Structure formats: structure tokens, C-alpha cells
Amino acid sequence: MPKEEISQKVPKKETFMQGVVTLIFSQVLIKLLGLIYTLYLTNREGFGDKGNGIVAAGYQIYAMLLTISSIGVPNAISKLVSERIAVRRSQRWI
């Protein structure tokens, strides 16, 4: 097999720092969008307290999802899935 074909099949891996920069950028963008959303709803004429209520309700849902995502549920699910895939692969060879 020529070297050109081998180099094309190897996927480019993302470096650690690229991942960090991506996460930082996404978090800053999320915070800016949240700020714009909050300022718009609270300062729009006729919304005032209602706007604060909408923001507070949305924040409660966000906080719950953030808590679930940060307690390790995604890691546990990925571990269970990978174990099942490994068991299925080993059963094929028996």
C-alpha cells in the first residue's frame, strides 16, 4: 500500500489546546447570548417583571441540566455503551 493512501486514512486528531480554546470560545459566546437575552427581556417595555420571571424560569431548567451533565452521567453512559460494544465484538469471535 503506498504511503499516500495510509496518510489519507489516518484521521487528524484534535490537540488538547485546540479543545480548550474551543470550549473557552463556546462558553464566552453562551454567556454573551445569555446577557443579550436577559437584557432584552428585562428592558423591553411591557415585560419588566414578566421578563425577569421568564429568565428565572429558563435559568432553573438550565441549572438542572447543567447539574445532570456535570455529575458524570455522560461518562457513565459512554462506559456502558462501550462495554456492550466490546461484549458483542468478543461474542462474534466465539
N, C-alpha and C. Protein backbone atom coordinates (compact mmCIF):
# COMPACT_ATOMS: atom_id res chain seq x y z
N MET A 1 0.84 -1.18 0.00
CA MET A 1 0.00 0.00 0.00
C MET A 1 0.89 1.25 0.00
N PRO A 2 0.69 2.18 -0.91
CA PRO A 2 1.51 3.39 -0.95
C PRO A 2 1.33 4.25 0.30
N LYS A 3 2.35 5.03 0.61
CA LYS A 3 2.29 5.88 1.80
C LYS A 3 1.20 6.93 1.71
N GLU A 4 0.87 7.36 0.50
CA GLU A 4 -0.16 8.37 0.32
C GLU A 4 -1.51 7.87 0.81
N GLU A 5 -1.83 6.61 0.53
CA GLU A 5 -3.11 6.06 0.95
C GLU A 5 -3.18 5.90 2.46
N ILE A 6 -2.08 5.52 3.08
CA ILE A 6 -2.06 5.35 4.53
C ILE A 6 -2.26 6.69 5.22
N SER A 7 -1.60 7.74 4.74
CA SER A 7 -1.72 9.04 5.38
C SER A 7 -3.13 9.62 5.22
N GLN A 8 -3.85 9.25 4.18
CA GLN A 8 -5.20 9.76 3.98
C GLN A 8 -6.20 9.07 4.91
N LYS A 9 -5.94 7.84 5.32
CA LYS A 9 -6.87 7.11 6.16
C LYS A 9 -6.77 7.49 7.64
N VAL A 10 -5.66 8.05 8.07
CA VAL A 10 -5.47 8.41 9.46
C VAL A 10 -6.19 9.74 9.72
N PRO A 11 -7.20 9.72 10.62
CA PRO A 11 -7.92 10.98 10.89
C PRO A 11 -7.05 11.95 11.69
N LYS A 12 -7.24 13.21 11.43
CA LYS A 12 -6.47 14.23 12.14
C LYS A 12 -7.02 14.36 13.56
N LYS A 13 -6.14 14.23 14.55
CA LYS A 13 -6.57 14.30 15.94
C LYS A 13 -6.49 15.75 16.42
N GLU A 14 -7.48 16.12 17.22
CA GLU A 14 -7.52 17.44 17.79
C GLU A 14 -6.59 17.49 18.99
N THR A 15 -5.78 18.51 19.07
CA THR A 15 -4.88 18.63 20.21
C THR A 15 -5.64 19.12 21.43
N PHE A 16 -5.03 18.95 22.58
CA PHE A 16 -5.65 19.36 23.84
C PHE A 16 -5.93 20.85 23.85
N MET A 17 -4.98 21.64 23.40
CA MET A 17 -5.15 23.09 23.43
C MET A 17 -6.24 23.56 22.47
N GLN A 18 -6.39 22.88 21.33
CA GLN A 18 -7.48 23.23 20.42
C GLN A 18 -8.83 23.00 21.09
N GLY A 19 -8.93 21.92 21.85
CA GLY A 19 -10.16 21.63 22.59
C GLY A 19 -10.43 22.67 23.65
N VAL A 20 -9.38 23.10 24.35
CA VAL A 20 -9.53 24.11 25.39
C VAL A 20 -9.99 25.43 24.78
N VAL A 21 -9.37 25.83 23.69
CA VAL A 21 -9.75 27.10 23.04
C VAL A 21 -11.19 27.03 22.53
N THR A 22 -11.58 25.89 21.99
CA THR A 22 -12.96 25.73 21.52
C THR A 22 -13.95 25.86 22.67
N LEU A 23 -13.65 25.23 23.79
CA LEU A 23 -14.54 25.32 24.95
C LEU A 23 -14.61 26.74 25.50
N ILE A 24 -13.48 27.42 25.56
CA ILE A 24 -13.47 28.79 26.05
C ILE A 24 -14.30 29.68 25.15
N PHE A 25 -14.11 29.55 23.83
CA PHE A 25 -14.88 30.36 22.89
C PHE A 25 -16.37 30.09 23.01
N SER A 26 -16.75 28.82 23.12
CA SER A 26 -18.17 28.49 23.21
C SER A 26 -18.78 29.02 24.51
N GLN A 27 -18.04 28.97 25.62
CA GLN A 27 -18.57 29.48 26.88
C GLN A 27 -18.75 30.99 26.84
N VAL A 28 -17.79 31.69 26.24
CA VAL A 28 -17.93 33.15 26.12
C VAL A 28 -19.13 33.49 25.25
N LEU A 29 -19.30 32.78 24.15
CA LEU A 29 -20.45 33.02 23.28
C LEU A 29 -21.76 32.75 24.00
N ILE A 30 -21.84 31.68 24.76
CA ILE A 30 -23.05 31.35 25.51
C ILE A 30 -23.36 32.44 26.54
N LYS A 31 -22.35 32.92 27.23
CA LYS A 31 -22.57 33.97 28.23
C LYS A 31 -23.03 35.26 27.57
N LEU A 32 -22.46 35.61 26.42
CA LEU A 32 -22.89 36.83 25.73
C LEU A 32 -24.34 36.71 25.24
N LEU A 33 -24.69 35.57 24.69
CA LEU A 33 -26.07 35.38 24.24
C LEU A 33 -27.05 35.43 25.41
N GLY A 34 -26.66 34.85 26.54
CA GLY A 34 -27.50 34.91 27.73
C GLY A 34 -27.65 36.33 28.24
N LEU A 35 -26.59 37.11 28.18
CA LEU A 35 -26.64 38.51 28.60
C LEU A 35 -27.59 39.30 27.71
N ILE A 36 -27.48 39.12 26.41
CA ILE A 36 -28.35 39.82 25.47
C ILE A 36 -29.81 39.44 25.71
N TYR A 37 -30.06 38.13 25.89
CA TYR A 37 -31.41 37.64 26.13
C TYR A 37 -31.99 38.25 27.40
N THR A 38 -31.18 38.26 28.47
CA THR A 38 -31.64 38.80 29.75
C THR A 38 -31.92 40.29 29.65
N LEU A 39 -31.00 41.04 29.06
CA LEU A 39 -31.19 42.48 28.93
C LEU A 39 -32.40 42.82 28.07
N TYR A 40 -32.61 42.07 27.02
CA TYR A 40 -33.75 42.32 26.14
C TYR A 40 -35.06 42.10 26.88
N LEU A 41 -35.19 40.97 27.56
CA LEU A 41 -36.46 40.67 28.21
C LEU A 41 -36.74 41.58 29.39
N THR A 42 -35.73 41.97 30.13
CA THR A 42 -35.99 42.80 31.31
C THR A 42 -36.19 44.27 30.96
N ASN A 43 -35.66 44.74 29.84
CA ASN A 43 -35.77 46.16 29.50
C ASN A 43 -36.82 46.45 28.45
N ARG A 44 -37.43 45.44 27.87
CA ARG A 44 -38.46 45.67 26.86
C ARG A 44 -39.71 46.22 27.54
N GLU A 45 -40.29 47.23 26.92
CA GLU A 45 -41.46 47.87 27.51
C GLU A 45 -42.61 46.86 27.58
N GLY A 46 -43.22 46.78 28.75
CA GLY A 46 -44.33 45.86 28.94
C GLY A 46 -43.89 44.51 29.49
N PHE A 47 -42.60 44.24 29.51
CA PHE A 47 -42.15 42.95 30.03
C PHE A 47 -41.65 43.07 31.46
N GLY A 48 -40.77 43.99 31.76
CA GLY A 48 -40.25 44.24 33.10
C GLY A 48 -40.18 43.01 34.00
N ASP A 49 -41.15 42.91 34.94
CA ASP A 49 -41.16 41.80 35.88
C ASP A 49 -41.45 40.47 35.18
N LYS A 50 -42.29 40.52 34.15
CA LYS A 50 -42.57 39.29 33.40
C LYS A 50 -41.29 38.77 32.74
N GLY A 51 -40.50 39.68 32.22
CA GLY A 51 -39.24 39.29 31.60
C GLY A 51 -38.31 38.65 32.61
N ASN A 52 -38.26 39.22 33.82
CA ASN A 52 -37.45 38.61 34.87
C ASN A 52 -37.96 37.21 35.22
N GLY A 53 -39.26 37.03 35.22
CA GLY A 53 -39.84 35.72 35.51
C GLY A 53 -39.49 34.69 34.45
N ILE A 54 -39.53 35.12 33.18
CA ILE A 54 -39.19 34.21 32.08
C ILE A 54 -37.72 33.81 32.18
N VAL A 55 -36.86 34.78 32.45
CA VAL A 55 -35.43 34.48 32.59
C VAL A 55 -35.20 33.53 33.76
N ALA A 56 -35.86 33.78 34.88
CA ALA A 56 -35.68 32.92 36.06
C ALA A 56 -36.16 31.50 35.77
N ALA A 57 -37.28 31.36 35.07
CA ALA A 57 -37.79 30.02 34.74
C ALA A 57 -36.82 29.28 33.82
N GLY A 58 -36.31 29.98 32.83
CA GLY A 58 -35.34 29.37 31.93
C GLY A 58 -34.05 29.01 32.64
N TYR A 59 -33.65 29.84 33.59
CA TYR A 59 -32.42 29.57 34.33
C TYR A 59 -32.55 28.32 35.19
N GLN A 60 -33.72 28.08 35.75
CA GLN A 60 -33.93 26.89 36.57
C GLN A 60 -33.74 25.62 35.74
N ILE A 61 -34.27 25.61 34.53
CA ILE A 61 -34.10 24.46 33.64
C ILE A 61 -32.63 24.31 33.27
N TYR A 62 -31.98 25.40 32.95
CA TYR A 62 -30.55 25.38 32.61
C TYR A 62 -29.72 24.84 33.76
N ALA A 63 -29.99 25.29 34.97
CA ALA A 63 -29.23 24.85 36.14
C ALA A 63 -29.41 23.36 36.38
N MET A 64 -30.62 22.86 36.19
CA MET A 64 -30.88 21.43 36.37
C MET A 64 -30.10 20.61 35.33
N LEU A 65 -30.16 21.02 34.07
CA LEU A 65 -29.43 20.29 33.02
C LEU A 65 -27.92 20.38 33.21
N LEU A 66 -27.44 21.51 33.66
CA LEU A 66 -26.01 21.66 33.93
C LEU A 66 -25.57 20.74 35.06
N THR A 67 -26.38 20.63 36.09
CA THR A 67 -26.06 19.73 37.20
C THR A 67 -26.01 18.29 36.74
N ILE A 68 -26.99 17.87 35.97
CA ILE A 68 -27.02 16.49 35.47
C ILE A 68 -25.81 16.21 34.59
N SER A 69 -25.48 17.15 33.74
CA SER A 69 -24.36 16.92 32.82
C SER A 69 -23.02 16.92 33.51
N SER A 70 -22.91 17.58 34.63
CA SER A 70 -21.61 17.66 35.29
C SER A 70 -21.40 16.61 36.38
N ILE A 71 -22.40 15.78 36.68
CA ILE A 71 -22.21 14.77 37.73
C ILE A 71 -21.70 13.45 37.18
N GLY A 72 -21.47 13.39 35.89
CA GLY A 72 -20.85 12.20 35.34
C GLY A 72 -21.79 11.28 34.59
N VAL A 73 -23.02 11.68 34.37
CA VAL A 73 -23.96 10.84 33.64
C VAL A 73 -23.46 10.54 32.22
N PRO A 74 -22.96 11.53 31.48
CA PRO A 74 -22.45 11.22 30.14
C PRO A 74 -21.30 10.22 30.15
N ASN A 75 -20.41 10.34 31.12
CA ASN A 75 -19.30 9.39 31.21
C ASN A 75 -19.79 7.98 31.53
N ALA A 76 -20.76 7.88 32.41
CA ALA A 76 -21.29 6.57 32.77
C ALA A 76 -21.99 5.93 31.58
N ILE A 77 -22.75 6.71 30.83
CA ILE A 77 -23.45 6.18 29.66
C ILE A 77 -22.45 5.72 28.61
N SER A 78 -21.41 6.52 28.36
CA SER A 78 -20.42 6.11 27.36
C SER A 78 -19.67 4.85 27.79
N LYS A 79 -19.43 4.70 29.08
CA LYS A 79 -18.77 3.49 29.57
C LYS A 79 -19.66 2.27 29.35
N LEU A 80 -20.95 2.40 29.68
CA LEU A 80 -21.88 1.28 29.50
C LEU A 80 -22.00 0.90 28.03
N VAL A 81 -22.08 1.88 27.16
CA VAL A 81 -22.20 1.61 25.73
C VAL A 81 -20.94 0.93 25.21
N SER A 82 -19.78 1.42 25.62
CA SER A 82 -18.53 0.80 25.13
C SER A 82 -18.37 -0.62 25.65
N GLU A 83 -18.82 -0.88 26.87
CA GLU A 83 -18.77 -2.25 27.39
C GLU A 83 -19.67 -3.18 26.58
N ARG A 84 -20.86 -2.72 26.24
CA ARG A 84 -21.77 -3.55 25.44
C ARG A 84 -21.20 -3.82 24.05
N ILE A 85 -20.60 -2.81 23.46
CA ILE A 85 -19.99 -3.00 22.14
C ILE A 85 -18.85 -3.99 22.23
N ALA A 86 -18.03 -3.89 23.28
CA ALA A 86 -16.92 -4.82 23.45
C ALA A 86 -17.41 -6.24 23.64
N VAL A 87 -18.49 -6.43 24.40
CA VAL A 87 -19.05 -7.77 24.62
C VAL A 87 -19.57 -8.33 23.31
N ARG A 88 -20.25 -7.54 22.53
CA ARG A 88 -20.77 -8.01 21.23
C ARG A 88 -19.64 -8.39 20.29
N ARG A 89 -18.57 -7.61 20.29
CA ARG A 89 -17.43 -7.94 19.42
C ARG A 89 -16.76 -9.23 19.85
N SER A 90 -16.63 -9.44 21.16
CA SER A 90 -15.99 -10.66 21.62
C SER A 90 -16.87 -11.89 21.38
N GLN A 91 -18.20 -11.73 21.40
CA GLN A 91 -19.11 -12.84 21.13
C GLN A 91 -19.08 -13.26 19.68
N ARG A 92 -18.76 -12.37 18.79
CA ARG A 92 -18.67 -12.70 17.36
C ARG A 92 -17.55 -13.68 17.09
N TRP A 93 -16.49 -13.62 17.87
CA TRP A 93 -15.31 -14.44 17.61
C TRP A 93 -15.41 -15.81 18.29
N ILE A 94 -16.42 -16.01 19.10
CA ILE A 94 -16.56 -17.29 19.79
C ILE A 94 -17.25 -18.30 18.91
